[in-house]
Amino acid sequence: MRLHYIQHVEFEDPANILEWTAIHRHTVSATHVYKGEKFPSAAEYDWLVVMGGPMNIYEDDIYPWLIDEKEFIRHAIKAGKTVIGICLGAQLLADALGGKVIRNREKEIGWFPVKWTMEAKISPFFRGMPENPEVFHWHGDTFAVPEWTLPIASSEATDHQGFMFEDDTALVIGLQFHIESTAESVQRLIDHSRSELFNAKYIQDEETMMERGENFKTLRRMIETFLDNVYAARK
């Protein structure tokens, strides 16, 4: 399997997703848009993973590469690819499928539980996931779940934490929350975005975020289970 990922900033890479690809000896390629790298043709990859980033999807004037990226994502879906979006990536997928992306009522930064929808509980893609897991968040925007997609999860601060869509060829899964994160990747987020850590109901401080060692182990099991499930279903 050939996995291609889009990275938006230097400090937010696929983390445990790369560990999974290495274990399974999948081929990995990347477009680092902040370096001005080009997108591949549809013939060059099977899966597309769209990572997070501090920008908003509607900031085309600041990040002009967003225009080309949105078109590339739409083309990937039309080409029947497996497309997974995380945080900003999920918002870009929602936009590509016609869902509106707006400011969330609260910023959500740190460890907070998500509640799976019934659609997720019976989905083969989320089989084996823990009940109401405490996962990592870092976002200020949210999205309306696009029409004819299925909701995945919610949290106390955010009504829509993900969605999925599958037809005869394509599979699209957007996750607003992070299950790919490692302690190292979260520390990089903190180091580069510390100004966002002000006192608010759904914003934790650095010490609280970094002391959750068991949570990082849970995330690794979750991302491995999720990717294994998707791979088994999409062979």
C-alpha atoms as a PDB file:
ATOM      1  CA  MET A   1       0.000   0.000   0.000  1.00  0.00           C
ATOM      2  CA  ARG A   2       1.247   3.490  -0.863  1.00  0.00           C
ATOM      3  CA  LEU A   3       0.398   6.185   1.673  1.00  0.00           C
ATOM      4  CA  HIS A   4       0.844   9.849   0.863  1.00  0.00           C
ATOM      5  CA  TYR A   5       0.437  12.547   3.500  1.00  0.00           C
ATOM      6  CA  ILE A   6       0.097  16.314   3.423  1.00  0.00           C
ATOM      7  CA  GLN A   7       1.966  18.205   6.139  1.00  0.00           C
ATOM      8  CA  HIS A   8       1.100  21.861   6.744  1.00  0.00           C
ATOM      9  CA  VAL A   9       3.756  22.948   9.255  1.00  0.00           C
ATOM     10  CA  GLU A  10       7.147  21.609  10.240  1.00  0.00           C
ATOM     11  CA  PHE A  11       6.106  20.698  13.783  1.00  0.00           C
ATOM     12  CA  GLU A  12       2.979  18.622  13.015  1.00  0.00           C
ATOM     13  CA  ASP A  13       3.863  15.363  11.302  1.00  0.00           C
ATOM     14  CA  PRO A  14       1.985  12.015  11.190  1.00  0.00           C
ATOM     15  CA  ALA A  15       3.742  10.728  14.341  1.00  0.00           C
ATOM     16  CA  ASN A  16       2.394   7.233  15.134  1.00  0.00           C
ATOM     17  CA  ILE A  17       0.987   6.849  11.620  1.00  0.00           C
ATOM     18  CA  LEU A  18       4.571   6.667  10.373  1.00  0.00           C
ATOM     19  CA  GLU A  19       5.336   3.996  12.981  1.00  0.00           C
ATOM     20  CA  TRP A  20       2.405   1.949  11.668  1.00  0.00           C
ATOM     21  CA  THR A  21       3.522   2.264   8.047  1.00  0.00           C
ATOM     22  CA  ALA A  22       7.054   1.217   8.996  1.00  0.00           C
ATOM     23  CA  ILE A  23       5.850  -1.862  10.888  1.00  0.00           C
ATOM     24  CA  HIS A  24       3.726  -2.953   7.929  1.00  0.00           C
ATOM     25  CA  ARG A  25       6.331  -1.949   5.331  1.00  0.00           C
ATOM     26  CA  HIS A  26       4.016   0.335   3.441  1.00  0.00           C
ATOM     27  CA  THR A  27       5.456   2.911   1.077  1.00  0.00           C
ATOM     28  CA  VAL A  28       5.287   6.509   2.324  1.00  0.00           C
ATOM     29  CA  SER A  29       5.549   9.803   0.440  1.00  0.00           C
ATOM     30  CA  ALA A  30       4.693  13.354   1.442  1.00  0.00           C
ATOM     31  CA  THR A  31       3.858  16.851   0.289  1.00  0.00           C
ATOM     32  CA  HIS A  32       5.143  19.503   2.685  1.00  0.00           C
ATOM     33  CA  VAL A  33       3.048  22.436   1.513  1.00  0.00           C
ATOM     34  CA  TYR A  34       4.954  24.935   3.677  1.00  0.00           C
ATOM     35  CA  LYS A  35       8.016  24.110   1.546  1.00  0.00           C
ATOM     36  CA  GLY A  36       6.145  24.647  -1.699  1.00  0.00           C
ATOM     37  CA  GLU A  37       6.231  20.960  -2.678  1.00  0.00           C
ATOM     38  CA  LYS A  38       3.924  19.694  -5.396  1.00  0.00           C
ATOM     39  CA  PHE A  39       1.079  17.197  -5.078  1.00  0.00           C
ATOM     40  CA  PRO A  40       1.406  13.761  -6.698  1.00  0.00           C
ATOM     41  CA  SER A  41      -0.758  12.339  -9.454  1.00  0.00           C
ATOM     42  CA  ALA A  42      -3.570   9.972  -8.500  1.00  0.00           C
ATOM     43  CA  ALA A  43      -1.596   7.050  -9.915  1.00  0.00           C
ATOM     44  CA  GLU A  44       1.190   7.557  -7.361  1.00  0.00           C
ATOM     45  CA  TYR A  45      -0.653   6.759  -4.122  1.00  0.00           C
ATOM     46  CA  ASP A  46      -3.474   4.637  -2.624  1.00  0.00           C
ATOM     47  CA  TRP A  47      -4.175   6.414   0.675  1.00  0.00           C
ATOM     48  CA  LEU A  48      -4.096  10.128   1.402  1.00  0.00           C
ATOM     49  CA  VAL A  49      -3.663  11.399   4.967  1.00  0.00           C
ATOM     50  CA  VAL A  50      -4.217  15.132   5.526  1.00  0.00           C
ATOM     51  CA  MET A  51      -2.579  16.370   8.708  1.00  0.00           C
ATOM     52  CA  GLY A  52      -3.396  19.223  11.071  1.00  0.00           C
ATOM     53  CA  GLY A  53      -2.024  22.745  11.322  1.00  0.00           C
ATOM     54  CA  PRO A  54      -2.574  26.102  13.029  1.00  0.00           C
ATOM     55  CA  MET A  55      -4.136  27.796  10.000  1.00  0.00           C
ATOM     56  CA  ASN A  56      -7.833  27.884   9.124  1.00  0.00           C
ATOM     57  CA  ILE A  57      -9.213  26.465   5.895  1.00  0.00           C
ATOM     58  CA  TYR A  58     -10.655  29.844   4.894  1.00  0.00           C
ATOM     59  CA  GLU A  59      -7.306  31.689   5.085  1.00  0.00           C
ATOM     60  CA  ASP A  60      -6.516  31.364   1.382  1.00  0.00           C
ATOM     61  CA  ASP A  61      -5.192  34.913   1.313  1.00  0.00           C
ATOM     62  CA  ILE A  62      -2.521  34.058   3.892  1.00  0.00           C
ATOM     63  CA  TYR A  63      -1.847  30.491   2.727  1.00  0.00           C
ATOM     64  CA  PRO A  64      -2.479  30.463  -1.045  1.00  0.00           C
ATOM     65  CA  TRP A  65      -1.509  26.799  -1.298  1.00  0.00           C
ATOM     66  CA  LEU A  66      -4.836  26.011   0.407  1.00  0.00           C
ATOM     67  CA  ILE A  67      -6.581  26.614  -2.921  1.00  0.00           C
ATOM     68  CA  ASP A  68      -4.571  23.913  -4.691  1.00  0.00           C
ATOM     69  CA  GLU A  69      -4.778  21.588  -1.699  1.00  0.00           C
ATOM     70  CA  LYS A  70      -8.571  21.746  -1.597  1.00  0.00           C
ATOM     71  CA  GLU A  71      -8.717  20.884  -5.288  1.00  0.00           C
ATOM     72  CA  PHE A  72      -6.237  18.039  -4.792  1.00  0.00           C
ATOM     73  CA  ILE A  73      -8.377  16.590  -1.983  1.00  0.00           C
ATOM     74  CA  ARG A  74     -11.519  16.748  -4.110  1.00  0.00           C
ATOM     75  CA  HIS A  75      -9.662  14.987  -6.913  1.00  0.00           C
ATOM     76  CA  ALA A  76      -8.460  12.263  -4.502  1.00  0.00           C
ATOM     77  CA  ILE A  77     -12.034  11.589  -3.404  1.00  0.00           C
ATOM     78  CA  LYS A  78     -13.289  11.514  -6.985  1.00  0.00           C
ATOM     79  CA  ALA A  79     -10.428   9.153  -7.867  1.00  0.00           C
ATOM     80  CA  GLY A  80     -11.688   6.635  -5.300  1.00  0.00           C
ATOM     81  CA  LYS A  81      -8.868   6.926  -2.779  1.00  0.00           C
ATOM     82  CA  THR A  82      -8.896   6.200   0.933  1.00  0.00           C
ATOM     83  CA  VAL A  83      -8.688   9.694   2.425  1.00  0.00           C
ATOM     84  CA  ILE A  84      -8.168  10.343   6.142  1.00  0.00           C
ATOM     85  CA  GLY A  85      -8.116  13.851   7.633  1.00  0.00           C
ATOM     86  CA  ILE A  86      -6.989  14.812  11.133  1.00  0.00           C
ATOM     87  CA  CYS A  87      -7.933  18.121  12.811  1.00  0.00           C
ATOM     88  CA  LEU A  88      -7.338  20.742  10.080  1.00  0.00           C
ATOM     89  CA  GLY A  89      -7.321  17.797   7.677  1.00  0.00           C
ATOM     90  CA  ALA A  90     -10.818  16.797   8.788  1.00  0.00           C
ATOM     91  CA  GLN A  91     -12.010  20.367   8.262  1.00  0.00           C
ATOM     92  CA  LEU A  92     -10.548  20.350   4.742  1.00  0.00           C
ATOM     93  CA  LEU A  93     -12.365  17.078   4.010  1.00  0.00           C
ATOM     94  CA  ALA A  94     -15.610  18.503   5.374  1.00  0.00           C
ATOM     95  CA  ASP A  95     -15.199  21.507   3.101  1.00  0.00           C
ATOM     96  CA  ALA A  96     -14.485  19.260   0.116  1.00  0.00           C
ATOM     97  CA  LEU A  97     -17.743  17.389   0.766  1.00  0.00           C
ATOM     98  CA  GLY A  98     -19.843  20.534   1.208  1.00  0.00           C
ATOM     99  CA  GLY A  99     -19.795  20.920   4.987  1.00  0.00           C
ATOM    100  CA  LYS A 100     -19.321  24.404   6.433  1.00  0.00           C
ATOM    101  CA  VAL A 101     -16.284  25.102   8.646  1.00  0.00           C
ATOM    102  CA  ILE A 102     -16.782  27.734  11.357  1.00  0.00           C
ATOM    103  CA  ARG A 103     -15.402  28.860  14.701  1.00  0.00           C
ATOM    104  CA  ASN A 104     -16.279  26.442  17.480  1.00  0.00           C
ATOM    105  CA  ARG A 105     -18.065  27.803  20.531  1.00  0.00           C
ATOM    106  CA  GLU A 106     -14.974  26.916  22.598  1.00  0.00           C
ATOM    107  CA  LYS A 107     -11.330  26.227  21.899  1.00  0.00           C
ATOM    108  CA  GLU A 108     -10.556  22.640  22.868  1.00  0.00           C
ATOM    109  CA  ILE A 109      -6.926  21.960  23.766  1.00  0.00           C
ATOM    110  CA  GLY A 110      -5.807  18.983  25.824  1.00  0.00           C
ATOM    111  CA  TRP A 111      -7.192  15.625  26.905  1.00  0.00           C
ATOM    112  CA  PHE A 112     -10.960  15.313  26.781  1.00  0.00           C
ATOM    113  CA  PRO A 113     -13.191  12.267  26.176  1.00  0.00           C
ATOM    114  CA  VAL A 114     -15.167  11.678  23.016  1.00  0.00           C
ATOM    115  CA  LYS A 115     -18.397   9.753  22.784  1.00  0.00           C
ATOM    116  CA  TRP A 116     -18.807   7.453  19.790  1.00  0.00           C
ATOM    117  CA  THR A 117     -21.985   7.631  17.762  1.00  0.00           C
ATOM    118  CA  MET A 118     -23.984   4.489  17.096  1.00  0.00           C
ATOM    119  CA  GLU A 119     -22.784   4.694  13.484  1.00  0.00           C
ATOM    120  CA  ALA A 120     -19.169   4.488  14.654  1.00  0.00           C
ATOM    121  CA  LYS A 121     -19.877   1.674  17.112  1.00  0.00           C
ATOM    122  CA  ILE A 122     -21.213  -0.584  14.353  1.00  0.00           C
ATOM    123  CA  SER A 123     -18.652   0.491  11.760  1.00  0.00           C
ATOM    124  CA  PRO A 124     -15.837  -1.931  10.906  1.00  0.00           C
ATOM    125  CA  PHE A 125     -13.444   1.025  10.856  1.00  0.00           C
ATOM    126  CA  PHE A 126     -13.851   1.686  14.593  1.00  0.00           C
ATOM    127  CA  ARG A 127     -14.109  -1.895  15.797  1.00  0.00           C
ATOM    128  CA  GLY A 128     -12.100  -2.487  18.981  1.00  0.00           C
ATOM    129  CA  MET A 129     -11.978   1.149  20.089  1.00  0.00           C
ATOM    130  CA  PRO A 130     -12.236   1.900  23.834  1.00  0.00           C
ATOM    131  CA  GLU A 131     -15.519   3.270  25.119  1.00  0.00           C
ATOM    132  CA  ASN A 132     -15.513   7.075  25.587  1.00  0.00           C
ATOM    133  CA  PRO A 133     -11.728   7.380  25.211  1.00  0.00           C
ATOM    134  CA  GLU A 134      -9.835  10.414  26.450  1.00  0.00           C
ATOM    135  CA  VAL A 135      -8.120  11.676  23.297  1.00  0.00           C
ATOM    136  CA  PHE A 136      -5.984  14.679  22.428  1.00  0.00           C
ATOM    137  CA  HIS A 137      -7.452  17.882  20.970  1.00  0.00           C
ATOM    138  CA  TRP A 138      -6.036  21.141  19.648  1.00  0.00           C
ATOM    139  CA  HIS A 139      -8.577  23.121  17.646  1.00  0.00           C
ATOM    140  CA  GLY A 140     -10.624  26.299  17.599  1.00  0.00           C
ATOM    141  CA  ASP A 141     -12.764  25.590  14.524  1.00  0.00           C
ATOM    142  CA  THR A 142     -15.424  22.990  13.896  1.00  0.00           C
ATOM    143  CA  PHE A 143     -17.510  21.804  10.954  1.00  0.00           C
ATOM    144  CA  ALA A 144     -21.028  20.863  10.075  1.00  0.00           C
ATOM    145  CA  VAL A 145     -21.115  17.173   9.192  1.00  0.00           C
ATOM    146  CA  PRO A 146     -21.525  17.098   5.403  1.00  0.00           C
ATOM    147  CA  GLU A 147     -24.794  15.772   4.029  1.00  0.00           C
ATOM    148  CA  TRP A 148     -24.896  12.048   3.295  1.00  0.00           C
ATOM    149  CA  THR A 149     -21.947  11.374   5.622  1.00  0.00           C
ATOM    150  CA  LEU A 150     -22.192   9.607   8.981  1.00  0.00           C
ATOM    151  CA  PRO A 151     -21.143  11.270  12.258  1.00  0.00           C
ATOM    152  CA  ILE A 152     -18.426   9.521  14.259  1.00  0.00           C
ATOM    153  CA  ALA A 153     -18.154  11.165  17.659  1.00  0.00           C
ATOM    154  CA  SER A 154     -18.811  14.206  19.830  1.00  0.00           C
ATOM    155  CA  SER A 155     -17.317  15.794  22.932  1.00  0.00           C
ATOM    156  CA  GLU A 156     -18.624  18.157  25.573  1.00  0.00           C
ATOM    157  CA  ALA A 157     -17.018  21.139  23.839  1.00  0.00           C
ATOM    158  CA  THR A 158     -17.543  20.068  20.212  1.00  0.00           C
ATOM    159  CA  ASP A 159     -20.689  18.544  18.738  1.00  0.00           C
ATOM    160  CA  HIS A 160     -19.036  17.155  15.612  1.00  0.00           C
ATOM    161  CA  GLN A 161     -15.785  15.293  16.220  1.00  0.00           C
ATOM    162  CA  GLY A 162     -15.717  13.377  12.968  1.00  0.00           C
ATOM    163  CA  PHE A 163     -17.546  11.891  10.016  1.00  0.00           C
ATOM    164  CA  MET A 164     -17.197   9.104   7.465  1.00  0.00           C
ATOM    165  CA  PHE A 165     -18.335   8.479   3.933  1.00  0.00           C
ATOM    166  CA  GLU A 166     -17.921   5.430   1.707  1.00  0.00           C
ATOM    167  CA  ASP A 167     -19.173   4.652  -1.766  1.00  0.00           C
ATOM    168  CA  ASP A 168     -18.257   2.028  -4.364  1.00  0.00           C
ATOM    169  CA  THR A 169     -14.722   3.397  -4.669  1.00  0.00           C
ATOM    170  CA  ALA A 170     -13.757   6.083  -2.140  1.00  0.00           C
ATOM    171  CA  LEU A 171     -13.543   6.095   1.649  1.00  0.00           C
ATOM    172  CA  VAL A 172     -13.353   9.415   3.492  1.00  0.00           C
ATOM    173  CA  ILE A 173     -12.884   9.658   7.267  1.00  0.00           C
ATOM    174  CA  GLY A 174     -12.416  12.949   9.103  1.00  0.00           C
ATOM    175  CA  LEU A 175     -11.279  13.023  12.737  1.00  0.00           C
ATOM    176  CA  GLN A 176     -11.328  16.374  14.516  1.00  0.00           C
ATOM    177  CA  PHE A 177      -9.345  14.886  17.399  1.00  0.00           C
ATOM    178  CA  HIS A 178      -5.832  13.431  17.439  1.00  0.00           C
ATOM    179  CA  ILE A 179      -5.162   9.725  17.899  1.00  0.00           C
ATOM    180  CA  GLU A 180      -1.868   9.828  15.998  1.00  0.00           C
ATOM    181  CA  SER A 181      -0.093  11.932  18.627  1.00  0.00           C
ATOM    182  CA  THR A 182       2.964  10.977  20.659  1.00  0.00           C
ATOM    183  CA  ALA A 183       4.437  12.737  23.672  1.00  0.00           C
ATOM    184  CA  GLU A 184       7.055  14.215  21.348  1.00  0.00           C
ATOM    185  CA  SER A 185       4.520  15.522  18.818  1.00  0.00           C
ATOM    186  CA  VAL A 186       2.375  17.092  21.548  1.00  0.00           C
ATOM    187  CA  GLN A 187       5.425  18.778  23.049  1.00  0.00           C
ATOM    188  CA  ARG A 188       6.211  20.267  19.630  1.00  0.00           C
ATOM    189  CA  LEU A 189       2.652  21.600  19.396  1.00  0.00           C
ATOM    190  CA  ILE A 190       3.009  23.202  22.814  1.00  0.00           C
ATOM    191  CA  ASP A 191       6.403  24.707  21.987  1.00  0.00           C
ATOM    192  CA  HIS A 192       5.104  26.327  18.797  1.00  0.00           C
ATOM    193  CA  SER A 193       1.616  27.312  19.959  1.00  0.00           C
ATOM    194  CA  ARG A 194       2.047  28.133  23.639  1.00  0.00           C
ATOM    195  CA  SER A 195       0.308  31.480  23.160  1.00  0.00           C
ATOM    196  CA  GLU A 196      -2.993  29.609  22.797  1.00  0.00           C
ATOM    197  CA  LEU A 197      -2.772  28.182  26.311  1.00  0.00           C
ATOM    198  CA  PHE A 198      -4.814  30.753  28.189  1.00  0.00           C
ATOM    199  CA  ASN A 199      -7.189  30.062  31.069  1.00  0.00           C
ATOM    200  CA  ALA A 200     -10.416  28.586  29.703  1.00  0.00           C
ATOM    201  CA  LYS A 201     -12.755  25.710  30.468  1.00  0.00           C
ATOM    202  CA  TYR A 202     -11.509  23.427  27.697  1.00  0.00           C
ATOM    203  CA  ILE A 203      -7.852  24.455  27.576  1.00  0.00           C
ATOM    204  CA  GLN A 204      -5.377  22.559  29.723  1.00  0.00           C
ATOM    205  CA  ASP A 205      -1.946  23.769  30.766  1.00  0.00           C
ATOM    206  CA  GLU A 206       1.300  22.242  29.550  1.00  0.00           C
ATOM    207  CA  GLU A 207       1.935  20.201  32.688  1.00  0.00           C
ATOM    208  CA  THR A 208      -1.516  18.601  32.568  1.00  0.00           C
ATOM    209  CA  MET A 209      -1.132  17.690  28.897  1.00  0.00           C
ATOM    210  CA  MET A 210       2.323  16.171  29.275  1.00  0.00           C
ATOM    211  CA  GLU A 211       1.749  14.168  32.454  1.00  0.00           C
ATOM    212  CA  ARG A 212      -0.745  11.767  30.831  1.00  0.00           C
ATOM    213  CA  GLY A 213       1.685   8.975  29.984  1.00  0.00           C
ATOM    214  CA  GLU A 214      -0.956   6.251  29.863  1.00  0.00           C
ATOM    215  CA  ASN A 215      -3.033   8.331  27.463  1.00  0.00           C
ATOM    216  CA  PHE A 216      -0.218   8.339  24.918  1.00  0.00           C
ATOM    217  CA  LYS A 217      -0.089   4.546  25.101  1.00  0.00           C
ATOM    218  CA  THR A 218      -3.843   4.419  24.534  1.00  0.00           C
ATOM    219  CA  LEU A 219      -3.535   6.686  21.498  1.00  0.00           C
ATOM    220  CA  ARG A 220      -0.940   4.408  19.961  1.00  0.00           C
ATOM    221  CA  ARG A 221      -3.205   1.387  20.374  1.00  0.00           C
ATOM    222  CA  MET A 222      -6.137   3.355  18.953  1.00  0.00           C
ATOM    223  CA  ILE A 223      -4.354   4.564  15.823  1.00  0.00           C
ATOM    224  CA  GLU A 224      -2.947   1.103  15.153  1.00  0.00           C
ATOM    225  CA  THR A 225      -6.388  -0.481  15.569  1.00  0.00           C
ATOM    226  CA  PHE A 226      -8.036   2.155  13.399  1.00  0.00           C
ATOM    227  CA  LEU A 227      -5.486   1.878  10.572  1.00  0.00           C
ATOM    228  CA  ASP A 228      -5.529  -1.932  10.737  1.00  0.00           C
ATOM    229  CA  ASN A 229      -9.318  -1.846  10.440  1.00  0.00           C
ATOM    230  CA  VAL A 230      -9.261   0.504   7.464  1.00  0.00           C
ATOM    231  CA  TYR A 231      -6.544  -1.501   5.736  1.00  0.00           C
ATOM    232  CA  ALA A 232      -8.410  -4.788   6.229  1.00  0.00           C
ATOM    233  CA  ALA A 233     -11.639  -3.300   4.881  1.00  0.00           C
ATOM    234  CA  ARG A 234      -9.985  -1.625   1.877  1.00  0.00           C
ATOM    235  CA  LYS A 235      -7.742  -4.427   0.581  1.00  0.00           C
END
